[in-house]
C-alpha atoms as a PDB file:
ATOM      1  CA  ALA A   1     -74.735   4.223-155.623  1.00  0.00           C
ATOM      2  CA  ALA A   2     -78.195   2.799-154.254  1.00  0.00           C
ATOM      3  CA  PHE A   3     -77.519   4.664-150.958  1.00  0.00           C
ATOM      4  CA  ASP A   4     -76.464   7.687-152.594  1.00  0.00           C
ATOM      5  CA  THR A   5     -79.591   7.927-154.584  1.00  0.00           C
ATOM      6  CA  ARG A   6     -81.635   7.074-151.631  1.00  0.00           C
ATOM      7  CA  TRP A   7     -79.740   9.735-149.485  1.00  0.00           C
ATOM      8  CA  LYS A   8     -80.719  12.567-151.991  1.00  0.00           C
ATOM      9  CA  GLN A   9     -84.230  11.586-151.396  1.00  0.00           C
ATOM     10  CA  VAL A  10     -84.389  11.848-147.810  1.00  0.00           C
ATOM     11  CA  GLU A  11     -81.489  14.335-146.984  1.00  0.00           C
ATOM     12  CA  SER A  12     -83.621  17.041-145.877  1.00  0.00           C
ATOM     13  CA  LYS A  13     -85.940  14.576-143.716  1.00  0.00           C
ATOM     14  CA  VAL A  14     -82.877  13.249-142.017  1.00  0.00           C
ATOM     15  CA  ALA A  15     -80.717  16.644-141.646  1.00  0.00           C
ATOM     16  CA  GLY A  16     -81.137  16.837-137.918  1.00  0.00           C
ATOM     17  CA  ASN A  17     -80.689  13.129-137.071  1.00  0.00           C
ATOM     18  CA  PRO A  18     -77.234  12.446-135.898  1.00  0.00           C
ATOM     19  CA  GLU A  19     -77.597   8.766-136.527  1.00  0.00           C
ATOM     20  CA  ALA A  20     -78.421   9.280-140.095  1.00  0.00           C
ATOM     21  CA  GLN A  21     -75.518  11.687-140.462  1.00  0.00           C
ATOM     22  CA  LEU A  22     -73.034   8.841-139.035  1.00  0.00           C
ATOM     23  CA  TYR A  23     -74.476   6.217-141.519  1.00  0.00           C
ATOM     24  CA  ARG A  24     -73.867   8.785-144.189  1.00  0.00           C
ATOM     25  CA  ALA A  25     -70.243   9.406-143.023  1.00  0.00           C
ATOM     26  CA  ALA A  26     -69.505   5.770-142.879  1.00  0.00           C
ATOM     27  CA  TYR A  27     -70.699   5.467-146.366  1.00  0.00           C
ATOM     28  CA  LEU A  28     -68.660   8.216-147.696  1.00  0.00           C
ATOM     29  CA  ALA A  29     -65.595   6.945-145.718  1.00  0.00           C
ATOM     30  CA  ALA A  30     -65.969   3.550-147.324  1.00  0.00           C
ATOM     31  CA  TYR A  31     -66.921   4.442-150.940  1.00  0.00           C
ATOM     32  CA  ALA A  32     -66.266   8.314-151.539  1.00  0.00           C
ATOM     33  CA  PRO A  33     -63.300   9.648-153.205  1.00  0.00           C
ATOM     34  CA  ALA A  34     -60.353  10.064-151.067  1.00  0.00           C
ATOM     35  CA  ASN A  35     -61.087  13.649-150.263  1.00  0.00           C
ATOM     36  CA  LEU A  36     -64.604  13.243-148.949  1.00  0.00           C
ATOM     37  CA  SER A  37     -63.532   9.953-147.575  1.00  0.00           C
ATOM     38  CA  ALA A  38     -60.957  11.501-145.168  1.00  0.00           C
ATOM     39  CA  ASP A  39     -63.474  14.155-144.092  1.00  0.00           C
ATOM     40  CA  ALA A  40     -66.059  11.326-143.386  1.00  0.00           C
ATOM     41  CA  MET A  41     -63.529   9.741-141.292  1.00  0.00           C
ATOM     42  CA  ILE A  42     -62.963  12.796-139.241  1.00  0.00           C
ATOM     43  CA  ALA A  43     -66.676  13.139-138.602  1.00  0.00           C
ATOM     44  CA  LEU A  44     -66.774   9.454-137.289  1.00  0.00           C
ATOM     45  CA  GLU A  45     -63.603   9.965-135.058  1.00  0.00           C
ATOM     46  CA  LYS A  46     -65.358  13.016-133.581  1.00  0.00           C
ATOM     47  CA  ALA A  47     -68.710  11.292-133.039  1.00  0.00           C
ATOM     48  CA  VAL A  48     -66.869   8.392-131.363  1.00  0.00           C
ATOM     49  CA  ALA A  49     -65.896  11.197-128.445  1.00  0.00           C
ATOM     50  CA  ASP A  50     -69.688  12.053-128.301  1.00  0.00           C
ATOM     51  CA  PRO A  51     -71.569  10.006-125.429  1.00  0.00           C
ATOM     52  CA  ALA A  52     -75.006  10.274-127.562  1.00  0.00           C
ATOM     53  CA  VAL A  53     -73.476   8.484-130.512  1.00  0.00           C
ATOM     54  CA  ARG A  54     -70.441   6.908-129.539  1.00  0.00           C
ATOM     55  CA  VAL A  55     -71.434   3.224-129.902  1.00  0.00           C
ATOM     56  CA  LEU A  56     -72.863   3.625-133.103  1.00  0.00           C
ATOM     57  CA  ALA A  57     -69.918   5.679-134.314  1.00  0.00           C
ATOM     58  CA  ALA A  58     -67.268   2.928-132.938  1.00  0.00           C
ATOM     59  CA  ARG A  59     -69.338   0.098-134.588  1.00  0.00           C
ATOM     60  CA  LEU A  60     -69.386   2.019-138.037  1.00  0.00           C
ATOM     61  CA  ARG A  61     -65.472   3.005-137.665  1.00  0.00           C
ATOM     62  CA  MET A  62     -65.020  -0.862-136.854  1.00  0.00           C
ATOM     63  CA  GLN A  63     -66.739  -1.903-139.789  1.00  0.00           C
ATOM     64  CA  ILE A  64     -64.727   0.219-142.190  1.00  0.00           C
ATOM     65  CA  SER A  65     -61.579  -0.960-140.478  1.00  0.00           C
ATOM     66  CA  ALA A  66     -62.728  -4.541-141.358  1.00  0.00           C
ATOM     67  CA  GLN A  67     -63.320  -3.393-144.733  1.00  0.00           C
ATOM     68  CA  ARG A  68     -59.989  -2.253-145.216  1.00  0.00           C
ATOM     69  CA  GLY A  69     -58.360  -5.189-143.451  1.00  0.00           C
ATOM     70  CA  ASN A  70     -56.774  -2.870-140.635  1.00  0.00           C
ATOM     71  CA  LEU A  71     -56.454  -5.333-137.722  1.00  0.00           C
ATOM     72  CA  PRO A  72     -54.926  -2.923-135.343  1.00  0.00           C
ATOM     73  CA  GLU A  73     -57.739  -0.471-135.656  1.00  0.00           C
ATOM     74  CA  TYR A  74     -60.474  -2.962-135.572  1.00  0.00           C
ATOM     75  CA  GLN A  75     -58.883  -4.512-132.304  1.00  0.00           C
ATOM     76  CA  ASP A  76     -58.892  -0.775-130.971  1.00  0.00           C
ATOM     77  CA  TYR A  77     -62.649  -0.260-131.651  1.00  0.00           C
ATOM     78  CA  LEU A  78     -63.482  -3.746-130.461  1.00  0.00           C
ATOM     79  CA  ARG A  79     -61.750  -3.253-127.075  1.00  0.00           C
ATOM     80  CA  GLN A  80     -63.416   0.195-126.640  1.00  0.00           C
ATOM     81  CA  LEU A  81     -66.779  -1.215-127.505  1.00  0.00           C
ATOM     82  CA  GLY A  82     -65.909  -3.857-124.901  1.00  0.00           C
ATOM     83  CA  GLU A  83     -65.283  -1.486-122.094  1.00  0.00           C
ATOM     84  CA  TRP A  84     -68.649   0.373-123.009  1.00  0.00           C
ATOM     85  CA  ARG A  85     -70.318  -3.145-122.863  1.00  0.00           C
ATOM     86  CA  ALA A  86     -71.502  -2.851-126.177  1.00  0.00           C
ATOM     87  CA  ASP A  87     -69.778  -5.491-128.215  1.00  0.00           C
ATOM     88  CA  ALA A  88     -71.392  -8.197-129.749  1.00  0.00           C
ATOM     89  CA  LEU A  89     -70.219 -11.911-130.497  1.00  0.00           C
ATOM     90  CA  ILE A  90     -70.191 -11.393-134.302  1.00  0.00           C
ATOM     91  CA  GLN A  91     -67.833  -8.459-133.943  1.00  0.00           C
ATOM     92  CA  HIS A  92     -65.515 -10.910-131.939  1.00  0.00           C
ATOM     93  CA  VAL A  93     -66.039 -13.442-134.873  1.00  0.00           C
ATOM     94  CA  THR A  94     -64.950 -10.649-137.453  1.00  0.00           C
ATOM     95  CA  TYR A  95     -61.770 -10.113-135.315  1.00  0.00           C
ATOM     96  CA  TRP A  96     -60.871 -13.874-135.128  1.00  0.00           C
ATOM     97  CA  LYS A  97     -61.497 -14.298-138.936  1.00  0.00           C
ATOM     98  CA  MET A  98     -59.240 -11.172-139.464  1.00  0.00           C
ATOM     99  CA  LEU A  99     -56.413 -12.758-137.146  1.00  0.00           C
ATOM    100  CA  LEU A 100     -56.895 -15.984-139.164  1.00  0.00           C
ATOM    101  CA  GLY A 101     -56.351 -13.986-142.551  1.00  0.00           C
ATOM    102  CA  GLN A 102     -53.162 -12.618-140.912  1.00  0.00           C
ATOM    103  CA  GLY A 103     -51.922 -16.143-140.068  1.00  0.00           C
ATOM    104  CA  ARG A 104     -52.639 -15.976-136.350  1.00  0.00           C
ATOM    105  CA  LYS A 105     -54.734 -19.035-135.988  1.00  0.00           C
ATOM    106  CA  GLU A 106     -53.817 -20.233-132.638  1.00  0.00           C
ATOM    107  CA  PHE A 107     -54.299 -16.811-130.978  1.00  0.00           C
ATOM    108  CA  ALA A 108     -57.746 -16.547-132.824  1.00  0.00           C
ATOM    109  CA  LEU A 109     -58.712 -19.904-131.583  1.00  0.00           C
ATOM    110  CA  LYS A 110     -57.524 -18.962-127.941  1.00  0.00           C
ATOM    111  CA  LEU A 111     -59.614 -15.906-128.058  1.00  0.00           C
ATOM    112  CA  ALA A 112     -62.715 -17.975-129.459  1.00  0.00           C
ATOM    113  CA  SER A 113     -62.237 -20.469-126.689  1.00  0.00           C
ATOM    114  CA  ASP A 114     -61.762 -17.841-123.881  1.00  0.00           C
ATOM    115  CA  TYR A 115     -65.061 -15.821-125.228  1.00  0.00           C
ATOM    116  CA  PRO A 116     -67.614 -16.072-122.247  1.00  0.00           C
ATOM    117  CA  HIS A 117     -70.904 -15.630-124.196  1.00  0.00           C
ATOM    118  CA  PRO A 118     -73.117 -18.025-126.010  1.00  0.00           C
ATOM    119  CA  PRO A 119     -74.458 -17.062-129.206  1.00  0.00           C
ATOM    120  CA  GLY A 120     -77.546 -15.006-129.020  1.00  0.00           C
ATOM    121  CA  THR A 121     -78.806 -15.531-132.446  1.00  0.00           C
ATOM    122  CA  ALA A 122     -78.814 -17.982-135.221  1.00  0.00           C
ATOM    123  CA  LEU A 123     -76.758 -15.405-137.237  1.00  0.00           C
ATOM    124  CA  ASP A 124     -74.123 -15.437-134.207  1.00  0.00           C
ATOM    125  CA  LEU A 125     -74.180 -19.232-134.465  1.00  0.00           C
ATOM    126  CA  VAL A 126     -73.770 -19.491-138.073  1.00  0.00           C
ATOM    127  CA  GLU A 127     -70.749 -16.897-138.245  1.00  0.00           C
ATOM    128  CA  LEU A 128     -69.020 -18.708-135.064  1.00  0.00           C
ATOM    129  CA  ALA A 129     -69.413 -22.136-137.106  1.00  0.00           C
ATOM    130  CA  SER A 130     -68.281 -20.429-140.139  1.00  0.00           C
ATOM    131  CA  PHE A 131     -65.019 -19.281-137.956  1.00  0.00           C
ATOM    132  CA  TYR A 132     -64.229 -22.797-136.720  1.00  0.00           C
ATOM    133  CA  SER A 133     -64.711 -23.878-140.356  1.00  0.00           C
ATOM    134  CA  ASP A 134     -62.215 -21.479-141.765  1.00  0.00           C
ATOM    135  CA  ALA A 135     -59.896 -22.601-139.132  1.00  0.00           C
ATOM    136  CA  GLY A 136     -60.033 -25.990-140.325  1.00  0.00           C
ATOM    137  CA  LEU A 137     -61.854 -27.368-137.491  1.00  0.00           C
ATOM    138  CA  ARG A 138     -65.157 -28.623-139.022  1.00  0.00           C
ATOM    139  CA  ASP A 139     -65.764 -31.081-136.473  1.00  0.00           C
ATOM    140  CA  GLN A 140     -66.034 -27.930-133.882  1.00  0.00           C
ATOM    141  CA  SER A 141     -68.223 -26.305-136.116  1.00  0.00           C
ATOM    142  CA  PHE A 142     -70.588 -29.491-136.551  1.00  0.00           C
ATOM    143  CA  GLU A 143     -70.716 -29.735-132.842  1.00  0.00           C
ATOM    144  CA  LEU A 144     -71.805 -26.169-132.366  1.00  0.00           C
ATOM    145  CA  PHE A 145     -74.710 -26.898-134.608  1.00  0.00           C
ATOM    146  CA  LYS A 146     -75.809 -29.820-132.458  1.00  0.00           C
ATOM    147  CA  ARG A 147     -75.415 -28.064-129.419  1.00  0.00           C
ATOM    148  CA  TYR A 148     -77.741 -25.190-130.537  1.00  0.00           C
ATOM    149  CA  LEU A 149     -80.291 -27.055-132.227  1.00  0.00           C
ATOM    150  CA  ARG A 150     -82.694 -26.438-129.565  1.00  0.00           C
ATOM    151  CA  GLU A 151     -82.377 -22.770-129.518  1.00  0.00           C
ATOM    152  CA  PHE A 152     -82.077 -22.039-133.360  1.00  0.00           C
ATOM    153  CA  GLY A 153     -83.308 -24.964-135.019  1.00  0.00           C
ATOM    154  CA  SER A 154     -86.517 -23.453-136.313  1.00  0.00           C
ATOM    155  CA  THR A 155     -84.622 -20.754-138.303  1.00  0.00           C
ATOM    156  CA  PRO A 156     -83.794 -21.183-141.954  1.00  0.00           C
ATOM    157  CA  PRO A 157     -80.201 -19.689-141.680  1.00  0.00           C
ATOM    158  CA  TYR A 158     -79.387 -22.346-139.088  1.00  0.00           C
ATOM    159  CA  TRP A 159     -80.344 -25.286-141.454  1.00  0.00           C
ATOM    160  CA  ILE A 160     -78.797 -23.734-144.350  1.00  0.00           C
ATOM    161  CA  ALA A 161     -75.239 -23.380-142.904  1.00  0.00           C
ATOM    162  CA  TYR A 162     -75.555 -26.573-141.010  1.00  0.00           C
ATOM    163  CA  ALA A 163     -76.299 -28.561-144.133  1.00  0.00           C
ATOM    164  CA  GLN A 164     -73.282 -26.605-145.904  1.00  0.00           C
ATOM    165  CA  VAL A 165     -71.049 -27.889-142.788  1.00  0.00           C
ATOM    166  CA  LEU A 166     -72.397 -31.456-143.342  1.00  0.00           C
ATOM    167  CA  VAL A 167     -71.856 -31.415-146.982  1.00  0.00           C
ATOM    168  CA  ALA A 168     -68.395 -30.094-146.693  1.00  0.00           C
ATOM    169  CA  GLY A 169     -67.474 -32.522-144.026  1.00  0.00           C
ATOM    170  CA  GLN A 170     -69.033 -35.305-146.169  1.00  0.00           C
ATOM    171  CA  LYS A 171     -71.373 -36.599-143.275  1.00  0.00           C
ATOM    172  CA  TRP A 172     -74.087 -38.009-145.390  1.00  0.00           C
ATOM    173  CA  ALA A 173     -75.895 -39.741-142.612  1.00  0.00           C
ATOM    174  CA  GLU A 174     -76.113 -36.778-140.358  1.00  0.00           C
ATOM    175  CA  LEU A 175     -77.302 -34.652-143.742  1.00  0.00           C
ATOM    176  CA  ARG A 176     -80.051 -37.362-143.992  1.00  0.00           C
ATOM    177  CA  ASP A 177     -81.091 -37.068-140.550  1.00  0.00           C
ATOM    178  CA  ALA A 178     -81.090 -33.303-140.795  1.00  0.00           C
ATOM    179  CA  ALA A 179     -83.391 -33.407-143.790  1.00  0.00           C
ATOM    180  CA  VAL A 180     -85.835 -35.552-141.872  1.00  0.00           C
ATOM    181  CA  LEU A 181     -85.841 -33.393-138.825  1.00  0.00           C
ATOM    182  CA  ILE A 182     -86.420 -30.354-141.148  1.00  0.00           C
ATOM    183  CA  ARG A 183     -89.413 -31.895-142.678  1.00  0.00           C
ATOM    184  CA  SER A 184     -90.876 -32.690-138.992  1.00  0.00           C
ATOM    185  CA  ILE A 185     -90.593 -29.024-137.912  1.00  0.00           C
ATOM    186  CA  ASP A 186     -93.814 -26.936-138.609  1.00  0.00           C
ATOM    187  CA  GLY A 187     -93.371 -23.503-140.414  1.00  0.00           C
ATOM    188  CA  LEU A 188     -89.869 -24.173-141.673  1.00  0.00           C
END
Protein backbone atom coordinates (compact mmCIF):
# COMPACT_ATOMS: atom_id res chain seq x y z
CA ALA A 1 0.00 0.00 0.00
CA ALA A 2 2.85 2.41 0.76
CA PHE A 3 4.33 1.90 -2.71
CA ASP A 4 0.93 2.47 -4.30
CA THR A 5 0.39 5.66 -2.33
CA ARG A 6 3.82 6.99 -3.23
CA TRP A 7 3.37 5.99 -6.86
CA LYS A 8 0.20 8.05 -7.13
CA GLN A 9 2.14 11.07 -5.85
CA VAL A 10 4.96 10.77 -8.40
CA GLU A 11 3.35 8.99 -11.34
CA SER A 12 3.30 12.02 -13.62
CA LYS A 13 6.94 12.83 -12.82
CA VAL A 14 8.20 9.33 -13.71
CA ALA A 15 5.92 8.60 -16.65
CA GLY A 16 8.85 8.66 -19.08
CA ASN A 17 11.28 6.79 -16.85
CA PRO A 18 11.53 3.15 -18.02
CA GLU A 19 13.22 1.98 -14.82
CA ALA A 20 10.48 3.45 -12.64
CA GLN A 21 7.91 1.75 -14.85
CA LEU A 22 9.69 -1.58 -14.31
CA TYR A 23 9.60 -1.15 -10.55
CA ARG A 24 5.90 -0.41 -10.82
CA ALA A 25 5.39 -3.53 -12.94
CA ALA A 26 7.29 -5.62 -10.40
CA TYR A 27 5.17 -4.24 -7.59
CA LEU A 28 1.98 -5.05 -9.49
CA ALA A 29 3.27 -8.51 -10.44
CA ALA A 30 3.96 -9.28 -6.80
CA TYR A 31 1.02 -7.64 -5.03
CA ALA A 32 -1.80 -6.75 -7.41
CA PRO A 33 -4.91 -8.80 -8.18
CA ALA A 34 -4.41 -11.59 -10.72
CA ASN A 35 -5.49 -9.63 -13.82
CA LEU A 36 -3.12 -6.72 -13.12
CA SER A 37 -0.40 -9.10 -11.98
CA ALA A 38 -0.51 -11.03 -15.25
CA ASP A 39 -0.25 -7.84 -17.33
CA ALA A 40 2.68 -6.68 -15.21
CA MET A 41 4.47 -10.01 -15.69
CA ILE A 42 4.06 -9.66 -19.45
CA ALA A 43 5.53 -6.15 -19.29
CA LEU A 44 8.52 -7.46 -17.32
CA GLU A 45 9.04 -10.31 -19.78
CA LYS A 46 9.07 -7.86 -22.68
CA ALA A 47 11.55 -5.66 -20.81
CA VAL A 48 13.96 -8.58 -20.39
CA ALA A 49 14.34 -8.52 -24.18
CA ASP A 50 15.12 -4.76 -24.23
CA PRO A 51 18.90 -4.22 -23.98
CA ALA A 52 18.42 -0.84 -22.31
CA VAL A 53 16.63 -2.30 -19.26
CA ARG A 54 17.10 -6.05 -19.51
CA VAL A 55 19.35 -6.43 -16.47
CA LEU A 56 16.97 -4.59 -14.15
CA ALA A 57 13.98 -6.41 -15.63
CA ALA A 58 15.65 -9.80 -15.14
CA ARG A 59 16.60 -8.93 -11.55
CA LEU A 60 13.06 -7.85 -10.74
CA ARG A 61 11.61 -10.89 -12.45
CA MET A 62 14.03 -13.11 -10.55
CA GLN A 63 12.98 -11.50 -7.26
CA ILE A 64 9.35 -12.28 -8.02
CA SER A 65 10.34 -15.87 -8.78
CA ALA A 66 12.05 -16.09 -5.39
CA GLN A 67 9.02 -14.61 -3.65
CA ARG A 68 6.80 -17.19 -5.32
CA GLY A 69 9.24 -20.02 -4.64
CA ASN A 70 9.60 -20.79 -8.34
CA LEU A 71 13.04 -22.39 -8.40
CA PRO A 72 13.27 -23.24 -12.13
CA GLU A 73 12.30 -19.71 -13.11
CA TYR A 74 14.75 -18.19 -10.63
CA GLN A 75 17.48 -20.44 -11.98
CA ASP A 76 16.75 -19.33 -15.56
CA TYR A 77 17.03 -15.65 -14.69
CA LEU A 78 20.15 -16.21 -12.62
CA ARG A 79 21.75 -18.04 -15.55
CA GLN A 80 20.76 -15.19 -17.88
CA LEU A 81 22.25 -12.58 -15.56
CA GLY A 82 25.41 -14.68 -15.37
CA GLU A 83 25.66 -14.70 -19.16
CA TRP A 84 25.37 -10.92 -19.10
CA ARG A 85 27.93 -10.79 -16.27
CA ALA A 86 25.38 -8.98 -14.16
CA ASP A 87 24.82 -11.58 -11.44
CA ALA A 88 25.78 -11.00 -7.81
CA LEU A 89 26.72 -13.26 -4.93
CA ILE A 90 23.57 -12.43 -3.00
CA GLN A 91 21.45 -13.68 -5.91
CA HIS A 92 23.36 -16.95 -5.91
CA VAL A 93 22.92 -17.26 -2.14
CA THR A 94 19.17 -16.82 -2.59
CA TYR A 95 19.24 -19.63 -5.16
CA TRP A 96 21.24 -21.88 -2.84
CA LYS A 97 18.77 -21.20 -0.03
CA MET A 98 15.90 -22.06 -2.34
CA LEU A 99 17.68 -25.33 -3.15
CA LEU A 100 17.99 -26.05 0.58
CA GLY A 101 14.26 -25.45 0.91
CA GLN A 102 13.66 -28.05 -1.80
CA GLY A 103 15.82 -30.64 -0.02
CA ARG A 104 18.77 -30.30 -2.40
CA LYS A 105 21.39 -29.52 0.24
CA GLU A 106 24.34 -31.34 -1.36
CA PHE A 107 23.82 -29.59 -4.70
CA ALA A 108 23.49 -26.21 -2.98
CA LEU A 109 26.70 -26.78 -1.02
CA LYS A 110 28.53 -27.85 -4.19
CA LEU A 111 27.43 -24.68 -5.98
CA ALA A 112 28.48 -22.57 -3.00
CA SER A 113 31.91 -24.18 -2.79
CA ASP A 114 32.41 -23.78 -6.54
CA TYR A 115 31.39 -20.10 -6.56
CA PRO A 116 34.53 -18.19 -7.59
CA HIS A 117 33.96 -14.72 -6.11
CA PRO A 118 34.42 -13.65 -2.49
CA PRO A 119 31.84 -11.52 -0.69
CA GLY A 120 32.07 -7.93 -1.88
CA THR A 121 30.01 -6.34 0.88
CA ALA A 122 29.16 -7.03 4.50
CA LEU A 123 25.64 -7.93 3.38
CA ASP A 124 27.05 -10.53 0.97
CA LEU A 125 29.06 -12.03 3.81
CA VAL A 126 26.10 -12.05 6.20
CA GLU A 127 23.88 -13.78 3.64
CA LEU A 128 26.56 -16.32 2.75
CA ALA A 129 27.14 -17.10 6.42
CA SER A 130 23.39 -17.39 6.88
CA PHE A 131 23.28 -19.92 4.06
CA TYR A 132 25.93 -22.08 5.72
CA SER A 133 24.08 -21.85 9.06
CA ASP A 134 20.82 -22.81 7.36
CA ALA A 135 22.63 -25.79 5.84
CA GLY A 136 23.70 -26.88 9.33
CA LEU A 137 27.31 -25.80 8.88
CA ARG A 138 27.66 -23.26 11.69
CA ASP A 139 31.41 -23.81 11.89
CA GLN A 140 31.75 -22.83 8.23
CA SER A 141 29.71 -19.72 8.97
CA PHE A 142 31.93 -18.94 11.95
CA GLU A 143 35.06 -19.36 9.82
CA LEU A 144 33.69 -16.98 7.17
CA PHE A 145 33.32 -14.24 9.74
CA LYS A 146 36.84 -14.81 11.02
CA ARG A 147 38.26 -14.79 7.48
CA TYR A 148 36.59 -11.49 6.51
CA LEU A 149 37.09 -9.55 9.74
CA ARG A 150 39.57 -7.17 8.10
CA GLU A 151 37.30 -6.34 5.17
CA PHE A 152 33.97 -5.96 6.98
CA GLY A 153 34.73 -5.70 10.69
CA SER A 154 34.01 -1.99 10.74
CA THR A 155 30.33 -2.48 9.85
CA PRO A 156 27.51 -3.10 12.35
CA PRO A 157 25.79 -5.78 10.19
CA TYR A 158 28.98 -7.85 10.35
CA TRP A 159 29.07 -7.79 14.15
CA ILE A 160 25.34 -8.36 14.61
CA ALA A 161 25.35 -11.44 12.37
CA TYR A 162 28.65 -12.71 13.78
CA ALA A 163 27.31 -12.43 17.34
CA GLN A 164 24.19 -14.35 16.31
CA VAL A 165 26.35 -17.15 14.88
CA LEU A 166 28.44 -17.25 18.05
CA VAL A 167 25.37 -17.37 20.30
CA ALA A 168 23.71 -20.06 18.18
CA GLY A 169 26.91 -22.12 18.33
CA GLN A 170 27.31 -21.39 22.05
CA LYS A 171 30.82 -20.09 21.45
CA TRP A 172 30.90 -17.97 24.59
CA ALA A 173 34.65 -17.33 24.72
CA GLU A 174 34.64 -16.14 21.10
CA LEU A 175 31.61 -13.95 21.83
CA ARG A 176 33.46 -12.34 24.73
CA ASP A 177 36.50 -11.78 22.47
CA ALA A 178 34.24 -10.22 19.83
CA ALA A 179 32.74 -7.86 22.43
CA VAL A 180 36.21 -6.73 23.47
CA LEU A 181 37.21 -6.20 19.85
CA ILE A 182 34.03 -4.22 19.08
CA ARG A 183 34.81 -1.85 21.95
CA SER A 184 38.24 -1.17 20.48
CA ILE A 185 36.94 -0.13 17.04
CA ASP A 186 36.52 3.63 16.71
CA GLY A 187 33.18 4.73 15.32
CA LEU A 188 31.43 1.42 15.80
